[in-house]
Amino acid sequence: MATDDRVLVTVILHHDQSMNMEEILDYAKKTGFYRDLPPEGTEVVSWVVAMSYGFIIQFLVEPGAMRNLNRYMEAKAWGAWTYECYPSYDFKAIAEKLKKDHA
């Protein structure tokens, strides 16, 4: 999934459990979270909801844009979500090969 010029980054946003959904949506509207996603130099690859937890979003990020992604989350997500960020890679093909090799 990652290319020579971009890095795959997995971002996990855990809903602030002290807020209800309406409050989270109001916060996201106030900060422009949905309107401005993705930040410059990034591309959304996957965005799923983990029920009762929050979002798991994968981005392809230009190496020089890592700061943009971090500042985006600090400015627009903090307050409604806690934020975790992990450089990552697609393991599916490797897992399939391991399964075949160990059969």
PDB file of N, CA and C in Angstrom:
ATOM      1  N   MET A   1       0.829  -1.194   0.000  1.00  0.00           N
ATOM      2  CA  MET A   1       0.000   0.000   0.000  1.00  0.00           C
ATOM      3  C   MET A   1       0.869   1.253   0.000  1.00  0.00           C
ATOM      4  N   ALA A   2       1.872   1.321   0.864  1.00  0.00           N
ATOM      5  CA  ALA A   2       2.754   2.483   0.856  1.00  0.00           C
ATOM      6  C   ALA A   2       3.570   2.473  -0.428  1.00  0.00           C
ATOM      7  N   THR A   3       3.948   3.646  -0.864  1.00  0.00           N
ATOM      8  CA  THR A   3       4.768   3.757  -2.054  1.00  0.00           C
ATOM      9  C   THR A   3       6.109   4.337  -1.650  1.00  0.00           C
ATOM     10  N   ASP A   4       7.006   4.449  -2.623  1.00  0.00           N
ATOM     11  CA  ASP A   4       8.325   4.989  -2.322  1.00  0.00           C
ATOM     12  C   ASP A   4       8.257   6.411  -1.793  1.00  0.00           C
ATOM     13  N   ASP A   5       7.246   7.147  -2.200  1.00  0.00           N
ATOM     14  CA  ASP A   5       7.184   8.547  -1.801  1.00  0.00           C
ATOM     15  C   ASP A   5       6.128   8.842  -0.733  1.00  0.00           C
ATOM     16  N   ARG A   6       5.415   7.829  -0.269  1.00  0.00           N
ATOM     17  CA  ARG A   6       4.411   8.052   0.781  1.00  0.00           C
ATOM     18  C   ARG A   6       4.453   6.915   1.799  1.00  0.00           C
ATOM     19  N   VAL A   7       4.059   7.237   3.026  1.00  0.00           N
ATOM     20  CA  VAL A   7       4.073   6.292   4.132  1.00  0.00           C
ATOM     21  C   VAL A   7       2.632   6.018   4.551  1.00  0.00           C
ATOM     22  N   LEU A   8       2.322   4.759   4.865  1.00  0.00           N
ATOM     23  CA  LEU A   8       1.005   4.410   5.395  1.00  0.00           C
ATOM     24  C   LEU A   8       1.004   4.706   6.895  1.00  0.00           C
ATOM     25  N   VAL A   9       0.024   5.466   7.349  1.00  0.00           N
ATOM     26  CA  VAL A   9      -0.092   5.828   8.758  1.00  0.00           C
ATOM     27  C   VAL A   9      -1.496   5.479   9.226  1.00  0.00           C
ATOM     28  N   THR A  10      -1.584   4.735  10.325  1.00  0.00           N
ATOM     29  CA  THR A  10      -2.873   4.391  10.925  1.00  0.00           C
ATOM     30  C   THR A  10      -3.113   5.318  12.110  1.00  0.00           C
ATOM     31  N   VAL A  11      -4.257   5.994  12.085  1.00  0.00           N
ATOM     32  CA  VAL A  11      -4.651   6.902  13.164  1.00  0.00           C
ATOM     33  C   VAL A  11      -5.869   6.307  13.846  1.00  0.00           C
ATOM     34  N   ILE A  12      -5.806   6.206  15.162  1.00  0.00           N
ATOM     35  CA  ILE A  12      -6.929   5.702  15.953  1.00  0.00           C
ATOM     36  C   ILE A  12      -7.461   6.855  16.793  1.00  0.00           C
ATOM     37  N   LEU A  13      -8.735   7.130  16.611  1.00  0.00           N
ATOM     38  CA  LEU A  13      -9.411   8.189  17.364  1.00  0.00           C
ATOM     39  C   LEU A  13     -10.460   7.546  18.263  1.00  0.00           C
ATOM     40  N   HIS A  14     -10.248   7.633  19.563  1.00  0.00           N
ATOM     41  CA  HIS A  14     -11.180   7.066  20.540  1.00  0.00           C
ATOM     42  C   HIS A  14     -12.127   8.164  21.007  1.00  0.00           C
ATOM     43  N   HIS A  15     -13.436   7.907  20.868  1.00  0.00           N
ATOM     44  CA  HIS A  15     -14.429   8.898  21.292  1.00  0.00           C
ATOM     45  C   HIS A  15     -14.264   9.249  22.762  1.00  0.00           C
ATOM     46  N   ASP A  16     -14.384  10.531  23.076  1.00  0.00           N
ATOM     47  CA  ASP A  16     -14.415  10.968  24.472  1.00  0.00           C
ATOM     48  C   ASP A  16     -15.731  10.470  25.062  1.00  0.00           C
ATOM     49  N   GLN A  17     -15.643   9.510  25.963  1.00  0.00           N
ATOM     50  CA  GLN A  17     -16.836   8.871  26.514  1.00  0.00           C
ATOM     51  C   GLN A  17     -17.658   9.798  27.426  1.00  0.00           C
ATOM     52  N   SER A  18     -17.101  10.956  27.783  1.00  0.00           N
ATOM     53  CA  SER A  18     -17.872  11.897  28.596  1.00  0.00           C
ATOM     54  C   SER A  18     -18.802  12.754  27.735  1.00  0.00           C
ATOM     55  N   MET A  19     -18.679  12.629  26.420  1.00  0.00           N
ATOM     56  CA  MET A  19     -19.515  13.396  25.489  1.00  0.00           C
ATOM     57  C   MET A  19     -20.483  12.453  24.784  1.00  0.00           C
ATOM     58  N   ASN A  20     -21.703  12.949  24.503  1.00  0.00           N
ATOM     59  CA  ASN A  20     -22.607  12.150  23.685  1.00  0.00           C
ATOM     60  C   ASN A  20     -22.327  12.451  22.211  1.00  0.00           C
ATOM     61  N   MET A  21     -22.957  11.711  21.322  1.00  0.00           N
ATOM     62  CA  MET A  21     -22.672  11.849  19.893  1.00  0.00           C
ATOM     63  C   MET A  21     -22.971  13.253  19.385  1.00  0.00           C
ATOM     64  N   GLU A  22     -24.055  13.855  19.853  1.00  0.00           N
ATOM     65  CA  GLU A  22     -24.386  15.212  19.420  1.00  0.00           C
ATOM     66  C   GLU A  22     -23.274  16.187  19.805  1.00  0.00           C
ATOM     67  N   GLU A  23     -22.722  16.045  21.005  1.00  0.00           N
ATOM     68  CA  GLU A  23     -21.638  16.926  21.444  1.00  0.00           C
ATOM     69  C   GLU A  23     -20.373  16.703  20.607  1.00  0.00           C
ATOM     70  N   ILE A  24     -20.095  15.456  20.276  1.00  0.00           N
ATOM     71  CA  ILE A  24     -18.924  15.158  19.442  1.00  0.00           C
ATOM     72  C   ILE A  24     -19.111  15.759  18.054  1.00  0.00           C
ATOM     73  N   LEU A  25     -20.299  15.602  17.473  1.00  0.00           N
ATOM     74  CA  LEU A  25     -20.564  16.176  16.153  1.00  0.00           C
ATOM     75  C   LEU A  25     -20.491  17.699  16.179  1.00  0.00           C
ATOM     76  N   ASP A  26     -20.995  18.318  17.245  1.00  0.00           N
ATOM     77  CA  ASP A  26     -20.903  19.778  17.387  1.00  0.00           C
ATOM     78  C   ASP A  26     -19.443  20.220  17.455  1.00  0.00           C
ATOM     79  N   TYR A  27     -18.638  19.488  18.221  1.00  0.00           N
ATOM     80  CA  TYR A  27     -17.213  19.810  18.336  1.00  0.00           C
ATOM     81  C   TYR A  27     -16.532  19.676  16.974  1.00  0.00           C
ATOM     82  N   ALA A  28     -16.824  18.591  16.267  1.00  0.00           N
ATOM     83  CA  ALA A  28     -16.221  18.364  14.957  1.00  0.00           C
ATOM     84  C   ALA A  28     -16.635  19.459  13.966  1.00  0.00           C
ATOM     85  N   LYS A  29     -17.862  19.914  14.050  1.00  0.00           N
ATOM     86  CA  LYS A  29     -18.311  20.990  13.164  1.00  0.00           C
ATOM     87  C   LYS A  29     -17.589  22.288  13.500  1.00  0.00           C
ATOM     88  N   LYS A  30     -17.455  22.573  14.791  1.00  0.00           N
ATOM     89  CA  LYS A  30     -16.787  23.798  15.243  1.00  0.00           C
ATOM     90  C   LYS A  30     -15.328  23.834  14.779  1.00  0.00           C
ATOM     91  N   THR A  31     -14.635  22.703  14.845  1.00  0.00           N
ATOM     92  CA  THR A  31     -13.222  22.671  14.475  1.00  0.00           C
ATOM     93  C   THR A  31     -12.997  22.440  12.984  1.00  0.00           C
ATOM     94  N   GLY A  32     -14.033  22.046  12.259  1.00  0.00           N
ATOM     95  CA  GLY A  32     -13.885  21.749  10.836  1.00  0.00           C
ATOM     96  C   GLY A  32     -13.276  20.381  10.578  1.00  0.00           C
ATOM     97  N   PHE A  33     -13.425  19.474  11.540  1.00  0.00           N
ATOM     98  CA  PHE A  33     -12.798  18.159  11.427  1.00  0.00           C
ATOM     99  C   PHE A  33     -13.173  17.455  10.130  1.00  0.00           C
ATOM    100  N   TYR A  34     -14.461  17.308   9.852  1.00  0.00           N
ATOM    101  CA  TYR A  34     -14.888  16.596   8.637  1.00  0.00           C
ATOM    102  C   TYR A  34     -14.650  17.435   7.389  1.00  0.00           C
ATOM    103  N   ARG A  35     -14.907  18.714   7.491  1.00  0.00           N
ATOM    104  CA  ARG A  35     -14.783  19.610   6.339  1.00  0.00           C
ATOM    105  C   ARG A  35     -13.350  19.629   5.793  1.00  0.00           C
ATOM    106  N   ASP A  36     -12.362  19.626   6.670  1.00  0.00           N
ATOM    107  CA  ASP A  36     -10.976  19.838   6.264  1.00  0.00           C
ATOM    108  C   ASP A  36     -10.149  18.561   6.110  1.00  0.00           C
ATOM    109  N   LEU A  37     -10.757  17.409   6.340  1.00  0.00           N
ATOM    110  CA  LEU A  37     -10.030  16.150   6.222  1.00  0.00           C
ATOM    111  C   LEU A  37     -10.006  15.710   4.765  1.00  0.00           C
ATOM    112  N   PRO A  38      -8.916  15.294   4.220  1.00  0.00           N
ATOM    113  CA  PRO A  38      -7.601  15.090   4.824  1.00  0.00           C
ATOM    114  C   PRO A  38      -6.749  16.356   4.735  1.00  0.00           C
ATOM    115  N   PRO A  39      -5.789  16.496   5.650  1.00  0.00           N
ATOM    116  CA  PRO A  39      -4.895  17.658   5.574  1.00  0.00           C
ATOM    117  C   PRO A  39      -3.979  17.560   4.349  1.00  0.00           C
ATOM    118  N   GLU A  40      -3.407  18.679   3.985  1.00  0.00           N
ATOM    119  CA  GLU A  40      -2.526  18.743   2.814  1.00  0.00           C
ATOM    120  C   GLU A  40      -1.401  17.717   2.904  1.00  0.00           C
ATOM    121  N   GLY A  41      -1.159  17.039   1.786  1.00  0.00           N
ATOM    122  CA  GLY A  41      -0.087  16.054   1.720  1.00  0.00           C
ATOM    123  C   GLY A  41      -0.486  14.674   2.190  1.00  0.00           C
ATOM    124  N   THR A  42      -1.797  14.482   2.455  1.00  0.00           N
ATOM    125  CA  THR A  42      -2.277  13.176   2.906  1.00  0.00           C
ATOM    126  C   THR A  42      -3.464  12.738   2.062  1.00  0.00           C
ATOM    127  N   GLU A  43      -3.692  11.436   2.058  1.00  0.00           N
ATOM    128  CA  GLU A  43      -4.829  10.846   1.347  1.00  0.00           C
ATOM    129  C   GLU A  43      -5.453   9.802   2.261  1.00  0.00           C
ATOM    130  N   VAL A  44      -6.783   9.828   2.412  1.00  0.00           N
ATOM    131  CA  VAL A  44      -7.479   8.813   3.199  1.00  0.00           C
ATOM    132  C   VAL A  44      -7.559   7.537   2.367  1.00  0.00           C
ATOM    133  N   VAL A  45      -7.056   6.435   2.931  1.00  0.00           N
ATOM    134  CA  VAL A  45      -7.089   5.133   2.272  1.00  0.00           C
ATOM    135  C   VAL A  45      -8.261   4.322   2.802  1.00  0.00           C
ATOM    136  N   SER A  46      -8.486   4.386   4.106  1.00  0.00           N
ATOM    137  CA  SER A  46      -9.526   3.597   4.759  1.00  0.00           C
ATOM    138  C   SER A  46     -10.004   4.351   5.986  1.00  0.00           C
ATOM    139  N   TRP A  47     -11.315   4.267   6.239  1.00  0.00           N
ATOM    140  CA  TRP A  47     -11.878   4.941   7.418  1.00  0.00           C
ATOM    141  C   TRP A  47     -13.005   4.058   7.919  1.00  0.00           C
ATOM    142  N   VAL A  48     -12.788   3.416   9.046  1.00  0.00           N
ATOM    143  CA  VAL A  48     -13.811   2.537   9.613  1.00  0.00           C
ATOM    144  C   VAL A  48     -14.168   2.982  11.024  1.00  0.00           C
ATOM    145  N   VAL A  49     -15.356   2.584  11.434  1.00  0.00           N
ATOM    146  CA  VAL A  49     -15.807   2.808  12.800  1.00  0.00           C
ATOM    147  C   VAL A  49     -15.650   1.501  13.563  1.00  0.00           C
ATOM    148  N   ALA A  50     -14.980   1.553  14.688  1.00  0.00           N
ATOM    149  CA  ALA A  50     -14.932   0.425  15.611  1.00  0.00           C
ATOM    150  C   ALA A  50     -16.012   0.724  16.656  1.00  0.00           C
ATOM    151  N   MET A  51     -17.107  -0.027  16.592  1.00  0.00           N
ATOM    152  CA  MET A  51     -18.263   0.289  17.429  1.00  0.00           C
ATOM    153  C   MET A  51     -17.870   0.351  18.897  1.00  0.00           C
ATOM    154  N   SER A  52     -18.380   1.360  19.563  1.00  0.00           N
ATOM    155  CA  SER A  52     -18.151   1.697  20.968  1.00  0.00           C
ATOM    156  C   SER A  52     -16.728   2.152  21.238  1.00  0.00           C
ATOM    157  N   TYR A  53     -15.922   2.323  20.204  1.00  0.00           N
ATOM    158  CA  TYR A  53     -14.554   2.813  20.382  1.00  0.00           C
ATOM    159  C   TYR A  53     -14.337   4.135  19.663  1.00  0.00           C
ATOM    160  N   GLY A  54     -14.452   4.137  18.343  1.00  0.00           N
ATOM    161  CA  GLY A  54     -14.194   5.343  17.567  1.00  0.00           C
ATOM    162  C   GLY A  54     -13.772   5.007  16.162  1.00  0.00           C
ATOM    163  N   PHE A  55     -12.873   5.816  15.606  1.00  0.00           N
ATOM    164  CA  PHE A  55     -12.449   5.679  14.221  1.00  0.00           C
ATOM    165  C   PHE A  55     -11.063   5.057  14.116  1.00  0.00           C
ATOM    166  N   ILE A  56     -10.869   4.291  13.056  1.00  0.00           N
ATOM    167  CA  ILE A  56      -9.551   3.830  12.634  1.00  0.00           C
ATOM    168  C   ILE A  56      -9.410   4.324  11.197  1.00  0.00           C
ATOM    169  N   ILE A  57      -8.472   5.257  10.996  1.00  0.00           N
ATOM    170  CA  ILE A  57      -8.300   5.887   9.690  1.00  0.00           C
ATOM    171  C   ILE A  57      -6.881   5.616   9.209  1.00  0.00           C
ATOM    172  N   GLN A  58      -6.766   5.159   7.972  1.00  0.00           N
ATOM    173  CA  GLN A  58      -5.445   4.975   7.381  1.00  0.00           C
ATOM    174  C   GLN A  58      -5.232   6.046   6.323  1.00  0.00           C
ATOM    175  N   PHE A  59      -4.059   6.646   6.382  1.00  0.00           N
ATOM    176  CA  PHE A  59      -3.662   7.699   5.452  1.00  0.00           C
ATOM    177  C   PHE A  59      -2.402   7.278   4.708  1.00  0.00           C
ATOM    178  N   LEU A  60      -2.294   7.702   3.460  1.00  0.00           N
ATOM    179  CA  LEU A  60      -1.010   7.717   2.775  1.00  0.00           C
ATOM    180  C   LEU A  60      -0.485   9.133   2.956  1.00  0.00           C
ATOM    181  N   VAL A  61       0.732   9.240   3.479  1.00  0.00           N
ATOM    182  CA  VAL A  61       1.271  10.539   3.868  1.00  0.00           C
ATOM    183  C   VAL A  61       2.617  10.768   3.194  1.00  0.00           C
ATOM    184  N   GLU A  62       2.737  11.917   2.555  1.00  0.00           N
ATOM    185  CA  GLU A  62       4.043  12.325   2.058  1.00  0.00           C
ATOM    186  C   GLU A  62       4.940  12.542   3.278  1.00  0.00           C
ATOM    187  N   PRO A  63       6.177  12.067   3.258  1.00  0.00           N
ATOM    188  CA  PRO A  63       7.029  12.202   4.448  1.00  0.00           C
ATOM    189  C   PRO A  63       7.095  13.623   4.996  1.00  0.00           C
ATOM    190  N   GLY A  64       7.126  14.605   4.129  1.00  0.00           N
ATOM    191  CA  GLY A  64       7.170  15.993   4.585  1.00  0.00           C
ATOM    192  C   GLY A  64       5.861  16.493   5.162  1.00  0.00           C
ATOM    193  N   ALA A  65       4.791  15.708   5.045  1.00  0.00           N
ATOM    194  CA  ALA A  65       3.473  16.126   5.529  1.00  0.00           C
ATOM    195  C   ALA A  65       3.086  15.473   6.851  1.00  0.00           C
ATOM    196  N   MET A  66       3.989  14.708   7.456  1.00  0.00           N
ATOM    197  CA  MET A  66       3.663  14.088   8.750  1.00  0.00           C
ATOM    198  C   MET A  66       3.285  15.145   9.782  1.00  0.00           C
ATOM    199  N   ARG A  67       4.004  16.261   9.778  1.00  0.00           N
ATOM    200  CA  ARG A  67       3.680  17.339  10.719  1.00  0.00           C
ATOM    201  C   ARG A  67       2.274  17.879  10.458  1.00  0.00           C
ATOM    202  N   ASN A  68       1.880  17.996   9.173  1.00  0.00           N
ATOM    203  CA  ASN A  68       0.525  18.471   8.851  1.00  0.00           C
ATOM    204  C   ASN A  68      -0.532  17.556   9.460  1.00  0.00           C
ATOM    205  N   LEU A  69      -0.315  16.248   9.348  1.00  0.00           N
ATOM    206  CA  LEU A  69      -1.270  15.294   9.906  1.00  0.00           C
ATOM    207  C   LEU A  69      -1.334  15.421  11.426  1.00  0.00           C
ATOM    208  N   ASN A  70      -0.180  15.502  12.060  1.00  0.00           N
ATOM    209  CA  ASN A  70      -0.150  15.633  13.515  1.00  0.00           C
ATOM    210  C   ASN A  70      -0.822  16.924  13.974  1.00  0.00           C
ATOM    211  N   ARG A  71      -0.488  18.043  13.347  1.00  0.00           N
ATOM    212  CA  ARG A  71      -1.089  19.335  13.734  1.00  0.00           C
ATOM    213  C   ARG A  71      -2.590  19.344  13.463  1.00  0.00           C
ATOM    214  N   TYR A  72      -3.017  18.695  12.391  1.00  0.00           N
ATOM    215  CA  TYR A  72      -4.439  18.596  12.082  1.00  0.00           C
ATOM    216  C   TYR A  72      -5.171  17.916  13.239  1.00  0.00           C
ATOM    217  N   MET A  73      -4.660  16.767  13.675  1.00  0.00           N
ATOM    218  CA  MET A  73      -5.309  16.024  14.758  1.00  0.00           C
ATOM    219  C   MET A  73      -5.290  16.824  16.055  1.00  0.00           C
ATOM    220  N   GLU A  74      -4.179  17.484  16.341  1.00  0.00           N
ATOM    221  CA  GLU A  74      -4.107  18.302  17.558  1.00  0.00           C
ATOM    222  C   GLU A  74      -5.120  19.438  17.530  1.00  0.00           C
ATOM    223  N   ALA A  75      -5.285  20.060  16.373  1.00  0.00           N
ATOM    224  CA  ALA A  75      -6.158  21.226  16.261  1.00  0.00           C
ATOM    225  C   ALA A  75      -7.631  20.874  16.096  1.00  0.00           C
ATOM    226  N   LYS A  76      -7.921  19.742  15.466  1.00  0.00           N
ATOM    227  CA  LYS A  76      -9.307  19.478  15.092  1.00  0.00           C
ATOM    228  C   LYS A  76      -9.941  18.257  15.756  1.00  0.00           C
ATOM    229  N   ALA A  77      -9.128  17.345  16.296  1.00  0.00           N
ATOM    230  CA  ALA A  77      -9.684  16.131  16.910  1.00  0.00           C
ATOM    231  C   ALA A  77      -9.607  16.163  18.430  1.00  0.00           C
ATOM    232  N   TRP A  78      -8.490  16.663  18.968  1.00  0.00           N
ATOM    233  CA  TRP A  78      -8.364  16.694  20.435  1.00  0.00           C
ATOM    234  C   TRP A  78      -9.531  17.464  21.030  1.00  0.00           C
ATOM    235  N   GLY A  79     -10.136  16.899  22.019  1.00  0.00           N
ATOM    236  CA  GLY A  79     -11.297  17.502  22.658  1.00  0.00           C
ATOM    237  C   GLY A  79     -12.524  16.624  22.474  1.00  0.00           C
ATOM    238  N   ALA A  80     -12.600  15.919  21.348  1.00  0.00           N
ATOM    239  CA  ALA A  80     -13.696  14.972  21.121  1.00  0.00           C
ATOM    240  C   ALA A  80     -13.172  13.550  21.032  1.00  0.00           C
ATOM    241  N   TRP A  81     -11.889  13.404  20.717  1.00  0.00           N
ATOM    242  CA  TRP A  81     -11.255  12.092  20.599  1.00  0.00           C
ATOM    243  C   TRP A  81      -9.869  12.138  21.230  1.00  0.00           C
ATOM    244  N   THR A  82      -9.406  11.002  21.731  1.00  0.00           N
ATOM    245  CA  THR A  82      -7.984  10.851  21.997  1.00  0.00           C
ATOM    246  C   THR A  82      -7.366  10.316  20.721  1.00  0.00           C
ATOM    247  N   TYR A  83      -6.077  10.513  20.545  1.00  0.00           N
ATOM    248  CA  TYR A  83      -5.430  10.319  19.254  1.00  0.00           C
ATOM    249  C   TYR A  83      -4.202   9.443  19.407  1.00  0.00           C
ATOM    250  N   GLU A  84      -4.148   8.382  18.606  1.00  0.00           N
ATOM    251  CA  GLU A  84      -2.965   7.531  18.516  1.00  0.00           C
ATOM    252  C   GLU A  84      -2.577   7.444  17.048  1.00  0.00           C
ATOM    253  N   CYS A  85      -1.281   7.369  16.784  1.00  0.00           N
ATOM    254  CA  CYS A  85      -0.791   7.376  15.414  1.00  0.00           C
ATOM    255  C   CYS A  85       0.313   6.337  15.270  1.00  0.00           C
ATOM    256  N   TYR A  86       0.205   5.494  14.241  1.00  0.00           N
ATOM    257  CA  TYR A  86       1.158   4.414  14.035  1.00  0.00           C
ATOM    258  C   TYR A  86       1.583   4.325  12.580  1.00  0.00           C
ATOM    259  N   PRO A  87       2.902   4.432  12.306  1.00  0.00           N
ATOM    260  CA  PRO A  87       3.352   4.076  10.967  1.00  0.00           C
ATOM    261  C   PRO A  87       3.012   2.599  10.775  1.00  0.00           C
ATOM    262  N   SER A  88       2.569   2.224   9.596  1.00  0.00           N
ATOM    263  CA  SER A  88       2.079   0.856   9.419  1.00  0.00           C
ATOM    264  C   SER A  88       2.325   0.395   7.988  1.00  0.00           C
ATOM    265  N   TYR A  89       2.031  -0.874   7.736  1.00  0.00           N
ATOM    266  CA  TYR A  89       2.147  -1.399   6.386  1.00  0.00           C
ATOM    267  C   TYR A  89       1.132  -2.522   6.212  1.00  0.00           C
ATOM    268  N   ASP A  90       0.823  -2.803   4.945  1.00  0.00           N
ATOM    269  CA  ASP A  90      -0.170  -3.809   4.606  1.00  0.00           C
ATOM    270  C   ASP A  90       0.458  -5.196   4.773  1.00  0.00           C
ATOM    271  N   PHE A  91      -0.078  -6.004   5.666  1.00  0.00           N
ATOM    272  CA  PHE A  91       0.472  -7.317   6.003  1.00  0.00           C
ATOM    273  C   PHE A  91      -0.266  -8.455   5.302  1.00  0.00           C
ATOM    274  N   LYS A  92      -1.359  -8.153   4.610  1.00  0.00           N
ATOM    275  CA  LYS A  92      -2.211  -9.204   4.049  1.00  0.00           C
ATOM    276  C   LYS A  92      -1.447 -10.159   3.145  1.00  0.00           C
ATOM    277  N   ALA A  93      -0.679  -9.659   2.186  1.00  0.00           N
ATOM    278  CA  ALA A  93       0.055 -10.534   1.265  1.00  0.00           C
ATOM    279  C   ALA A  93       1.092 -11.372   2.009  1.00  0.00           C
ATOM    280  N   ILE A  94       1.722 -10.816   3.001  1.00  0.00           N
ATOM    281  CA  ILE A  94       2.712 -11.549   3.798  1.00  0.00           C
ATOM    282  C   ILE A  94       2.025 -12.676   4.572  1.00  0.00           C
ATOM    283  N   ALA A  95       0.890 -12.368   5.180  1.00  0.00           N
ATOM    284  CA  ALA A  95       0.148 -13.376   5.940  1.00  0.00           C
ATOM    285  C   ALA A  95      -0.313 -14.516   5.032  1.00  0.00           C
ATOM    286  N   GLU A  96      -0.752 -14.187   3.836  1.00  0.00           N
ATOM    287  CA  GLU A  96      -1.186 -15.221   2.884  1.00  0.00           C
ATOM    288  C   GLU A  96      -0.007 -16.129   2.500  1.00  0.00           C
ATOM    289  N   LYS A  97       1.163 -15.535   2.301  1.00  0.00           N
ATOM    290  CA  LYS A  97       2.343 -16.319   1.966  1.00  0.00           C
ATOM    291  C   LYS A  97       2.742 -17.208   3.159  1.00  0.00           C
ATOM    292  N   LEU A  98       2.710 -16.669   4.359  1.00  0.00           N
ATOM    293  CA  LEU A  98       3.034 -17.467   5.545  1.00  0.00           C
ATOM    294  C   LEU A  98       2.070 -18.639   5.705  1.00  0.00           C
ATOM    295  N   LYS A  99       0.788 -18.382   5.463  1.00  0.00           N
ATOM    296  CA  LYS A  99      -0.196 -19.458   5.565  1.00  0.00           C
ATOM    297  C   LYS A  99       0.115 -20.554   4.552  1.00  0.00           C
ATOM    298  N   LYS A 100       0.429 -20.178   3.318  1.00  0.00           N
ATOM    299  CA  LYS A 100       0.752 -21.148   2.275  1.00  0.00           C
ATOM    300  C   LYS A 100       2.028 -21.905   2.609  1.00  0.00           C
ATOM    301  N   ASP A 101       3.052 -21.194   3.065  1.00  0.00           N
ATOM    302  CA  ASP A 101       4.351 -21.806   3.370  1.00  0.00           C
ATOM    303  C   ASP A 101       4.280 -22.737   4.588  1.00  0.00           C
ATOM    304  N   HIS A 102       3.343 -22.507   5.493  1.00  0.00           N
ATOM    305  CA  HIS A 102       3.267 -23.295   6.726  1.00  0.00           C
ATOM    306  C   HIS A 102       2.131 -24.293   6.705  1.00  0.00           C
ATOM    307  N   ALA A 103       1.558 -24.519   5.546  1.00  0.00           N
ATOM    308  CA  ALA A 103       0.433 -25.459   5.442  1.00  0.00           C
ATOM    309  C   ALA A 103       0.911 -26.899   5.511  1.00  0.00           C
TER     310      ALA A 103
END
